Amino acid sequence: MKARVAIKVRAGARKTEFAGRFGDAWKLQVAAPPVDGKANEAIVRFLAKLASVPANSVRIVTGLAASNKLIEIEGIDAETLERAILESQGFAQKGFAQHGFAQHGSGPNSGSSLPRKT
C-alpha cells in the first residue's frame, strides 16, 4: 500500500509543520533552508516520522527543485496519511468542528436513535 500527497513547501520557516491547505495540496513549512537538498531531506524525514515509516519509504516523485512537490509514501494508505496530517495540526485535540469539519454522530441531526438530553 502507498499514498501520494501534494505539498506546497515554504523552506526556511521557523519550524517544520503543516500549515493548512493550498488548493488540493497541503502547505508544509520546513525549517531547513532550500540549499543543497537540505529542505528535501527535512521533508522526507518529517513525513517518514509522521507516517511511522522508514525514511527510505518516502520518495519525492515530482518537484525536487520546486516548491510544489508530489510525495509518495510506501507503507501507509491515503486515509491514514490524511488523518496523521490533520492530527499533526491539532485537529484531534481541538476538535474538527472548530476547523470546518463536521463531526458525525454527536449532533442533534446525527441520526442517533438515543434521546437528546435537554
Protein backbone atom coordinates (compact mmCIF):
# COMPACT_ATOMS: atom_id res chain seq x y z
CA MET A 1 0.00 0.00 0.00
CA LYS A 2 1.16 3.52 -0.74
CA ALA A 3 -0.18 7.03 -0.56
CA ARG A 4 0.58 10.15 -2.53
CA VAL A 5 0.31 13.66 -1.20
CA ALA A 6 0.78 17.00 -2.96
CA ILE A 7 2.56 19.64 -0.92
CA LYS A 8 3.46 23.31 -1.32
CA VAL A 9 6.71 23.92 0.55
CA ARG A 10 7.97 27.07 2.24
CA ALA A 11 11.58 26.42 3.19
CA GLY A 12 13.42 28.42 5.84
CA ALA A 13 10.42 28.55 8.19
CA ARG A 14 10.68 28.83 11.98
CA LYS A 15 9.77 25.15 12.41
CA THR A 16 8.73 22.20 10.26
CA GLU A 17 4.96 21.77 10.33
CA PHE A 18 1.85 21.63 8.19
CA ALA A 19 0.13 24.99 7.80
CA GLY A 20 -3.21 24.09 6.24
CA ARG A 21 -4.32 23.59 2.65
CA PHE A 22 -3.30 25.26 -0.59
CA GLY A 23 -5.92 24.17 -3.11
CA ASP A 24 -5.57 20.41 -3.41
CA ALA A 25 -2.14 20.44 -1.78
CA TRP A 26 -1.00 20.73 1.83
CA LYS A 27 1.15 23.70 2.83
CA LEU A 28 4.30 22.46 4.58
CA GLN A 29 6.63 24.87 6.29
CA VAL A 30 10.16 23.46 6.54
CA ALA A 31 12.81 24.81 8.91
CA ALA A 32 15.70 23.70 6.68
CA PRO A 33 16.95 26.10 4.01
CA PRO A 34 16.38 25.32 0.32
CA VAL A 35 20.12 24.77 -0.23
CA ASP A 36 21.96 21.60 -1.26
CA GLY A 37 18.84 19.45 -0.87
CA LYS A 38 18.55 20.19 2.87
CA ALA A 39 14.85 21.10 2.62
CA ASN A 40 14.08 17.92 0.65
CA GLU A 41 15.91 15.81 3.25
CA ALA A 42 13.94 17.51 6.03
CA ILE A 43 10.66 16.88 4.19
CA VAL A 44 11.47 13.17 3.79
CA ARG A 45 12.44 12.81 7.47
CA PHE A 46 9.37 14.75 8.66
CA LEU A 47 6.91 12.77 6.54
CA ALA A 48 8.55 9.45 7.46
CA LYS A 49 8.16 10.25 11.14
CA LEU A 50 4.58 11.44 10.63
CA ALA A 51 3.66 8.27 8.73
CA SER A 52 5.67 5.98 11.07
CA VAL A 53 7.65 4.52 8.17
CA PRO A 54 11.40 4.43 7.42
CA ALA A 55 12.78 7.42 5.52
CA ASN A 56 13.57 5.24 2.50
CA SER A 57 9.79 4.64 2.15
CA VAL A 58 9.26 8.34 1.33
CA ARG A 59 10.01 9.46 -2.22
CA ILE A 60 9.72 12.85 -3.90
CA VAL A 61 8.07 11.94 -7.20
CA THR A 62 7.98 15.40 -8.75
CA GLY A 63 9.28 18.80 -7.72
CA LEU A 64 12.80 18.05 -6.46
CA ALA A 65 13.86 21.63 -7.22
CA ALA A 66 10.44 23.29 -6.88
CA SER A 67 8.15 24.36 -4.07
CA ASN A 68 5.27 22.23 -5.40
CA LYS A 69 6.02 18.56 -4.80
CA LEU A 70 4.29 15.22 -5.15
CA ILE A 71 5.37 12.80 -2.44
CA GLU A 72 4.80 9.05 -2.42
CA ILE A 73 4.91 7.14 0.86
CA GLU A 74 5.12 3.36 0.91
CA GLY A 75 3.53 1.54 3.85
CA ILE A 76 0.57 3.81 4.59
CA ASP A 77 -2.80 4.31 2.90
CA ALA A 78 -4.14 7.71 1.86
CA GLU A 79 -6.82 7.87 4.56
CA THR A 80 -4.36 7.12 7.37
CA LEU A 81 -1.91 9.68 5.99
CA GLU A 82 -4.63 12.35 5.81
CA ARG A 83 -5.61 11.60 9.41
CA ALA A 84 -1.96 11.86 10.53
CA ILE A 85 -1.61 15.23 8.81
CA LEU A 86 -4.80 16.52 10.43
CA GLU A 87 -3.70 15.27 13.83
CA SER A 88 -0.31 16.95 13.40
CA GLN A 89 -2.19 20.23 13.04
CA GLY A 90 -4.03 19.69 16.31
CA PHE A 91 -7.40 18.70 14.84
CA ALA A 92 -7.70 15.75 17.22
CA GLN A 93 -7.10 17.92 20.28
CA LYS A 94 -9.09 20.99 19.20
CA GLY A 95 -12.00 19.22 17.53
CA PHE A 96 -12.88 19.01 13.88
CA ALA A 97 -15.83 21.41 14.16
CA GLN A 98 -13.52 24.32 15.00
CA HIS A 99 -11.75 23.77 11.71
CA GLY A 100 -14.81 23.50 9.50
CA PHE A 101 -15.15 19.72 9.57
CA ALA A 102 -18.43 18.10 10.59
CA GLN A 103 -18.34 15.57 13.38
CA HIS A 104 -20.67 12.69 12.72
CA GLY A 105 -22.81 11.01 15.34
CA SER A 106 -22.92 13.66 18.02
CA GLY A 107 -25.23 16.46 16.92
CA PRO A 108 -28.99 16.87 17.03
CA ASN A 109 -29.29 15.79 13.39
CA SER A 110 -26.83 12.92 13.60
CA GLY A 111 -29.41 10.22 13.10
CA SER A 112 -28.79 8.74 16.52
CA SER A 113 -31.70 6.82 18.00
CA LEU A 114 -30.78 7.91 21.52
CA PRO A 115 -32.92 10.66 23.02
CA ARG A 116 -31.28 14.06 23.44
CA LYS A 117 -30.74 15.35 26.94
CA THR A 118 -32.41 18.71 27.39
